[in-house]
Amino acid sequence: MSSSKASSPPALHSNLEPVPVSGCLICGAAARHREAIRPLGNTVGVHNMNGIIRQHPHRVTDGEGVAA
């Protein structure tokens, strides 16, 4: 007997954060802001910046910088 489960995204540990995409202005700004507010103890702000880095769209390229 096999059970069928809905797939869900893998759980991320709280100490793992998204890495900004090199050359992306949005990622860069969010990462700089995240590092500026982290020492202030603003965990909600850090979480929000992680969401921006993780979820905003990036254009897919063919490896040579040309949008595919």
PDB file of N, CA and C in Angstrom:
ATOM      1  N   MET A   1       0.847  -1.173   0.000  1.00  0.00           N
ATOM      2  CA  MET A   1       0.000   0.000   0.000  1.00  0.00           C
ATOM      3  C   MET A   1       0.890   1.234   0.000  1.00  0.00           C
ATOM      4  N   SER A   2       0.669   2.131  -0.926  1.00  0.00           N
ATOM      5  CA  SER A   2       1.474   3.349  -0.964  1.00  0.00           C
ATOM      6  C   SER A   2       0.623   4.539  -0.582  1.00  0.00           C
ATOM      7  N   SER A   3       1.248   5.456   0.100  1.00  0.00           N
ATOM      8  CA  SER A   3       0.497   6.655   0.475  1.00  0.00           C
ATOM      9  C   SER A   3       0.940   7.791  -0.419  1.00  0.00           C
ATOM     10  N   SER A   4       0.027   8.646  -0.711  1.00  0.00           N
ATOM     11  CA  SER A   4       0.311   9.781  -1.583  1.00  0.00           C
ATOM     12  C   SER A   4       0.281  11.040  -0.738  1.00  0.00           C
ATOM     13  N   LYS A   5       1.393  11.753  -0.722  1.00  0.00           N
ATOM     14  CA  LYS A   5       1.487  12.991   0.050  1.00  0.00           C
ATOM     15  C   LYS A   5       1.671  14.156  -0.910  1.00  0.00           C
ATOM     16  N   ALA A   6       1.125  15.268  -0.535  1.00  0.00           N
ATOM     17  CA  ALA A   6       1.364  16.492  -1.302  1.00  0.00           C
ATOM     18  C   ALA A   6       2.799  16.913  -1.052  1.00  0.00           C
ATOM     19  N   SER A   7       3.490  17.293  -2.088  1.00  0.00           N
ATOM     20  CA  SER A   7       4.874  17.718  -1.895  1.00  0.00           C
ATOM     21  C   SER A   7       4.901  19.128  -1.332  1.00  0.00           C
ATOM     22  N   SER A   8       5.878  19.372  -0.524  1.00  0.00           N
ATOM     23  CA  SER A   8       6.036  20.698   0.062  1.00  0.00           C
ATOM     24  C   SER A   8       7.493  21.099  -0.088  1.00  0.00           C
ATOM     25  N   PRO A   9       7.750  22.394  -0.062  1.00  0.00           N
ATOM     26  CA  PRO A   9       9.138  22.830  -0.190  1.00  0.00           C
ATOM     27  C   PRO A   9       9.961  22.345   0.995  1.00  0.00           C
ATOM     28  N   PRO A  10      11.242  22.126   0.797  1.00  0.00           N
ATOM     29  CA  PRO A  10      12.075  21.677   1.908  1.00  0.00           C
ATOM     30  C   PRO A  10      12.130  22.723   3.014  1.00  0.00           C
ATOM     31  N   ALA A  11      12.165  22.256   4.228  1.00  0.00           N
ATOM     32  CA  ALA A  11      12.246  23.166   5.369  1.00  0.00           C
ATOM     33  C   ALA A  11      13.647  23.761   5.429  1.00  0.00           C
ATOM     34  N   LEU A  12      13.715  25.051   5.651  1.00  0.00           N
ATOM     35  CA  LEU A  12      14.999  25.717   5.798  1.00  0.00           C
ATOM     36  C   LEU A  12      15.248  25.994   7.270  1.00  0.00           C
ATOM     37  N   HIS A  13      16.468  25.786   7.683  1.00  0.00           N
ATOM     38  CA  HIS A  13      16.827  26.118   9.052  1.00  0.00           C
ATOM     39  C   HIS A  13      16.933  27.632   9.173  1.00  0.00           C
ATOM     40  N   SER A  14      16.652  28.135  10.351  1.00  0.00           N
ATOM     41  CA  SER A  14      16.640  29.584  10.536  1.00  0.00           C
ATOM     42  C   SER A  14      18.012  30.216  10.316  1.00  0.00           C
ATOM     43  N   ASN A  15      19.091  29.429  10.405  1.00  0.00           N
ATOM     44  CA  ASN A  15      20.420  30.020  10.224  1.00  0.00           C
ATOM     45  C   ASN A  15      20.846  30.059   8.756  1.00  0.00           C
ATOM     46  N   LEU A  16      20.017  29.565   7.849  1.00  0.00           N
ATOM     47  CA  LEU A  16      20.326  29.631   6.427  1.00  0.00           C
ATOM     48  C   LEU A  16      19.590  30.806   5.814  1.00  0.00           C
ATOM     49  N   GLU A  17      20.302  31.602   5.052  1.00  0.00           N
ATOM     50  CA  GLU A  17      19.698  32.769   4.423  1.00  0.00           C
ATOM     51  C   GLU A  17      19.971  32.738   2.931  1.00  0.00           C
ATOM     52  N   PRO A  18      19.093  33.360   2.151  1.00  0.00           N
ATOM     53  CA  PRO A  18      19.334  33.407   0.715  1.00  0.00           C
ATOM     54  C   PRO A  18      20.557  34.268   0.393  1.00  0.00           C
ATOM     55  N   VAL A  19      21.246  33.879  -0.649  1.00  0.00           N
ATOM     56  CA  VAL A  19      22.432  34.607  -1.090  1.00  0.00           C
ATOM     57  C   VAL A  19      22.006  35.546  -2.211  1.00  0.00           C
ATOM     58  N   PRO A  20      22.375  36.815  -2.146  1.00  0.00           N
ATOM     59  CA  PRO A  20      22.011  37.749  -3.206  1.00  0.00           C
ATOM     60  C   PRO A  20      22.626  37.341  -4.548  1.00  0.00           C
ATOM     61  N   VAL A  21      21.873  37.543  -5.613  1.00  0.00           N
ATOM     62  CA  VAL A  21      22.376  37.263  -6.954  1.00  0.00           C
ATOM     63  C   VAL A  21      23.353  38.368  -7.342  1.00  0.00           C
ATOM     64  N   SER A  22      24.525  37.967  -7.770  1.00  0.00           N
ATOM     65  CA  SER A  22      25.565  38.923  -8.148  1.00  0.00           C
ATOM     66  C   SER A  22      25.076  39.842  -9.271  1.00  0.00           C
ATOM     67  N   GLY A  23      25.265  41.125  -9.083  1.00  0.00           N
ATOM     68  CA  GLY A  23      24.875  42.098 -10.103  1.00  0.00           C
ATOM     69  C   GLY A  23      23.433  42.540 -10.060  1.00  0.00           C
ATOM     70  N   CYS A  24      22.618  41.941  -9.201  1.00  0.00           N
ATOM     71  CA  CYS A  24      21.206  42.317  -9.096  1.00  0.00           C
ATOM     72  C   CYS A  24      21.087  43.496  -8.124  1.00  0.00           C
ATOM     73  N   LEU A  25      20.555  44.602  -8.602  1.00  0.00           N
ATOM     74  CA  LEU A  25      20.427  45.786  -7.751  1.00  0.00           C
ATOM     75  C   LEU A  25      19.467  45.573  -6.595  1.00  0.00           C
ATOM     76  N   ILE A  26      18.380  44.838  -6.832  1.00  0.00           N
ATOM     77  CA  ILE A  26      17.399  44.582  -5.774  1.00  0.00           C
ATOM     78  C   ILE A  26      18.016  43.697  -4.694  1.00  0.00           C
ATOM     79  N   CYS A  27      18.673  42.614  -5.099  1.00  0.00           N
ATOM     80  CA  CYS A  27      19.335  41.734  -4.133  1.00  0.00           C
ATOM     81  C   CYS A  27      20.382  42.502  -3.331  1.00  0.00           C
ATOM     82  N   GLY A  28      21.170  43.317  -4.024  1.00  0.00           N
ATOM     83  CA  GLY A  28      22.222  44.068  -3.350  1.00  0.00           C
ATOM     84  C   GLY A  28      21.677  45.027  -2.308  1.00  0.00           C
ATOM     85  N   ALA A  29      20.629  45.748  -2.674  1.00  0.00           N
ATOM     86  CA  ALA A  29      20.027  46.701  -1.734  1.00  0.00           C
ATOM     87  C   ALA A  29      19.427  45.980  -0.531  1.00  0.00           C
ATOM     88  N   ALA A  30      18.735  44.877  -0.788  1.00  0.00           N
ATOM     89  CA  ALA A  30      18.113  44.118   0.313  1.00  0.00           C
ATOM     90  C   ALA A  30      19.185  43.523   1.227  1.00  0.00           C
ATOM     91  N   ALA A  31      20.269  43.027   0.643  1.00  0.00           N
ATOM     92  CA  ALA A  31      21.343  42.443   1.451  1.00  0.00           C
ATOM     93  C   ALA A  31      22.029  43.508   2.308  1.00  0.00           C
ATOM     94  N   ARG A  32      22.270  44.682   1.734  1.00  0.00           N
ATOM     95  CA  ARG A  32      22.892  45.772   2.512  1.00  0.00           C
ATOM     96  C   ARG A  32      21.977  46.206   3.655  1.00  0.00           C
ATOM     97  N   HIS A  33      20.689  46.325   3.363  1.00  0.00           N
ATOM     98  CA  HIS A  33      19.735  46.715   4.404  1.00  0.00           C
ATOM     99  C   HIS A  33      19.659  45.642   5.488  1.00  0.00           C
ATOM    100  N   ARG A  34      19.662  44.377   5.068  1.00  0.00           N
ATOM    101  CA  ARG A  34      19.612  43.263   6.020  1.00  0.00           C
ATOM    102  C   ARG A  34      20.793  43.333   6.976  1.00  0.00           C
ATOM    103  N   GLU A  35      21.987  43.601   6.452  1.00  0.00           N
ATOM    104  CA  GLU A  35      23.170  43.665   7.308  1.00  0.00           C
ATOM    105  C   GLU A  35      23.175  44.904   8.191  1.00  0.00           C
ATOM    106  N   ALA A  36      22.546  45.982   7.736  1.00  0.00           N
ATOM    107  CA  ALA A  36      22.479  47.205   8.545  1.00  0.00           C
ATOM    108  C   ALA A  36      21.519  47.052   9.719  1.00  0.00           C
ATOM    109  N   ILE A  37      20.430  46.316   9.528  1.00  0.00           N
ATOM    110  CA  ILE A  37      19.438  46.206  10.601  1.00  0.00           C
ATOM    111  C   ILE A  37      19.656  45.004  11.516  1.00  0.00           C
ATOM    112  N   ARG A  38      20.459  44.042  11.074  1.00  0.00           N
ATOM    113  CA  ARG A  38      20.707  42.857  11.907  1.00  0.00           C
ATOM    114  C   ARG A  38      21.261  43.224  13.283  1.00  0.00           C
ATOM    115  N   PRO A  39      22.290  44.100  13.393  1.00  0.00           N
ATOM    116  CA  PRO A  39      22.826  44.422  14.724  1.00  0.00           C
ATOM    117  C   PRO A  39      21.827  45.156  15.618  1.00  0.00           C
ATOM    118  N   LEU A  40      20.781  45.694  15.025  1.00  0.00           N
ATOM    119  CA  LEU A  40      19.772  46.402  15.811  1.00  0.00           C
ATOM    120  C   LEU A  40      18.756  45.444  16.426  1.00  0.00           C
ATOM    121  N   GLY A  41      18.871  44.155  16.076  1.00  0.00           N
ATOM    122  CA  GLY A  41      17.951  43.159  16.614  1.00  0.00           C
ATOM    123  C   GLY A  41      16.617  43.125  15.901  1.00  0.00           C
ATOM    124  N   ASN A  42      16.543  43.705  14.724  1.00  0.00           N
ATOM    125  CA  ASN A  42      15.293  43.762  13.967  1.00  0.00           C
ATOM    126  C   ASN A  42      15.115  42.466  13.177  1.00  0.00           C
ATOM    127  N   THR A  43      14.669  41.412  13.856  1.00  0.00           N
ATOM    128  CA  THR A  43      14.541  40.105  13.210  1.00  0.00           C
ATOM    129  C   THR A  43      13.438  40.086  12.161  1.00  0.00           C
ATOM    130  N   VAL A  44      12.393  40.876  12.360  1.00  0.00           N
ATOM    131  CA  VAL A  44      11.320  40.943  11.359  1.00  0.00           C
ATOM    132  C   VAL A  44      11.849  41.583  10.078  1.00  0.00           C
ATOM    133  N   GLY A  45      12.616  42.647  10.217  1.00  0.00           N
ATOM    134  CA  GLY A  45      13.206  43.298   9.059  1.00  0.00           C
ATOM    135  C   GLY A  45      14.174  42.383   8.320  1.00  0.00           C
ATOM    136  N   VAL A  46      14.995  41.635   9.063  1.00  0.00           N
ATOM    137  CA  VAL A  46      15.920  40.680   8.448  1.00  0.00           C
ATOM    138  C   VAL A  46      15.133  39.625   7.688  1.00  0.00           C
ATOM    139  N   HIS A  47      14.074  39.130   8.294  1.00  0.00           N
ATOM    140  CA  HIS A  47      13.216  38.133   7.645  1.00  0.00           C
ATOM    141  C   HIS A  47      12.602  38.707   6.360  1.00  0.00           C
ATOM    142  N   ASN A  48      12.146  39.940   6.409  1.00  0.00           N
ATOM    143  CA  ASN A  48      11.555  40.579   5.227  1.00  0.00           C
ATOM    144  C   ASN A  48      12.579  40.736   4.110  1.00  0.00           C
ATOM    145  N   MET A  49      13.800  41.148   4.457  1.00  0.00           N
ATOM    146  CA  MET A  49      14.836  41.296   3.434  1.00  0.00           C
ATOM    147  C   MET A  49      15.197  39.938   2.825  1.00  0.00           C
ATOM    148  N   ASN A  50      15.212  38.889   3.652  1.00  0.00           N
ATOM    149  CA  ASN A  50      15.451  37.541   3.131  1.00  0.00           C
ATOM    150  C   ASN A  50      14.364  37.163   2.131  1.00  0.00           C
ATOM    151  N   GLY A  51      13.127  37.518   2.432  1.00  0.00           N
ATOM    152  CA  GLY A  51      12.021  37.229   1.514  1.00  0.00           C
ATOM    153  C   GLY A  51      12.177  37.958   0.194  1.00  0.00           C
ATOM    154  N   ILE A  52      12.617  39.197   0.242  1.00  0.00           N
ATOM    155  CA  ILE A  52      12.825  39.964  -0.995  1.00  0.00           C
ATOM    156  C   ILE A  52      13.923  39.307  -1.831  1.00  0.00           C
ATOM    157  N   ILE A  53      15.038  38.962  -1.198  1.00  0.00           N
ATOM    158  CA  ILE A  53      16.147  38.332  -1.921  1.00  0.00           C
ATOM    159  C   ILE A  53      15.689  37.005  -2.521  1.00  0.00           C
ATOM    160  N   ARG A  54      14.943  36.246  -1.770  1.00  0.00           N
ATOM    161  CA  ARG A  54      14.525  34.912  -2.194  1.00  0.00           C
ATOM    162  C   ARG A  54      13.454  34.944  -3.282  1.00  0.00           C
ATOM    163  N   GLN A  55      12.533  35.899  -3.241  1.00  0.00           N
ATOM    164  CA  GLN A  55      11.326  35.783  -4.049  1.00  0.00           C
ATOM    165  C   GLN A  55      11.209  36.724  -5.237  1.00  0.00           C
ATOM    166  N   HIS A  56      12.001  37.774  -5.335  1.00  0.00           N
ATOM    167  CA  HIS A  56      11.798  38.646  -6.487  1.00  0.00           C
ATOM    168  C   HIS A  56      12.328  37.962  -7.744  1.00  0.00           C
ATOM    169  N   PRO A  57      11.720  38.241  -8.878  1.00  0.00           N
ATOM    170  CA  PRO A  57      12.082  37.518 -10.105  1.00  0.00           C
ATOM    171  C   PRO A  57      13.428  37.954 -10.674  1.00  0.00           C
ATOM    172  N   HIS A  58      14.114  36.997 -11.226  1.00  0.00           N
ATOM    173  CA  HIS A  58      15.331  37.243 -11.991  1.00  0.00           C
ATOM    174  C   HIS A  58      15.104  36.709 -13.389  1.00  0.00           C
ATOM    175  N   ARG A  59      15.621  37.408 -14.360  1.00  0.00           N
ATOM    176  CA  ARG A  59      15.505  36.929 -15.731  1.00  0.00           C
ATOM    177  C   ARG A  59      16.423  35.743 -15.936  1.00  0.00           C
ATOM    178  N   VAL A  60      15.928  34.759 -16.608  1.00  0.00           N
ATOM    179  CA  VAL A  60      16.728  33.583 -16.917  1.00  0.00           C
ATOM    180  C   VAL A  60      17.589  33.911 -18.138  1.00  0.00           C
ATOM    181  N   THR A  61      18.877  33.610 -18.034  1.00  0.00           N
ATOM    182  CA  THR A  61      19.769  33.881 -19.161  1.00  0.00           C
ATOM    183  C   THR A  61      20.318  32.584 -19.716  1.00  0.00           C
ATOM    184  N   ASP A  62      20.913  32.682 -20.889  1.00  0.00           N
ATOM    185  CA  ASP A  62      21.472  31.497 -21.537  1.00  0.00           C
ATOM    186  C   ASP A  62      22.916  31.218 -21.130  1.00  0.00           C
ATOM    187  N   GLY A  63      23.373  31.863 -20.083  1.00  0.00           N
ATOM    188  CA  GLY A  63      24.736  31.664 -19.619  1.00  0.00           C
ATOM    189  C   GLY A  63      25.699  32.701 -20.169  1.00  0.00           C
ATOM    190  N   GLU A  64      25.259  33.458 -21.159  1.00  0.00           N
ATOM    191  CA  GLU A  64      26.096  34.504 -21.718  1.00  0.00           C
ATOM    192  C   GLU A  64      25.479  35.879 -21.487  1.00  0.00           C
ATOM    193  N   GLY A  65      24.526  35.937 -20.548  1.00  0.00           N
ATOM    194  CA  GLY A  65      23.896  37.202 -20.210  1.00  0.00           C
ATOM    195  C   GLY A  65      22.757  37.589 -21.114  1.00  0.00           C
ATOM    196  N   VAL A  66      22.375  36.708 -22.038  1.00  0.00           N
ATOM    197  CA  VAL A  66      21.278  36.990 -22.951  1.00  0.00           C
ATOM    198  C   VAL A  66      20.014  36.313 -22.428  1.00  0.00           C
ATOM    199  N   ALA A  67      18.936  37.084 -22.274  1.00  0.00           N
ATOM    200  CA  ALA A  67      17.686  36.510 -21.763  1.00  0.00           C
ATOM    201  C   ALA A  67      17.189  35.422 -22.699  1.00  0.00           C
ATOM    202  N   ALA A  68      16.841  34.302 -22.108  1.00  0.00           N
ATOM    203  CA  ALA A  68      16.358  33.171 -22.902  1.00  0.00           C
ATOM    204  C   ALA A  68      14.853  33.210 -23.029  1.00  0.00           C
TER     205      ALA A  68
END
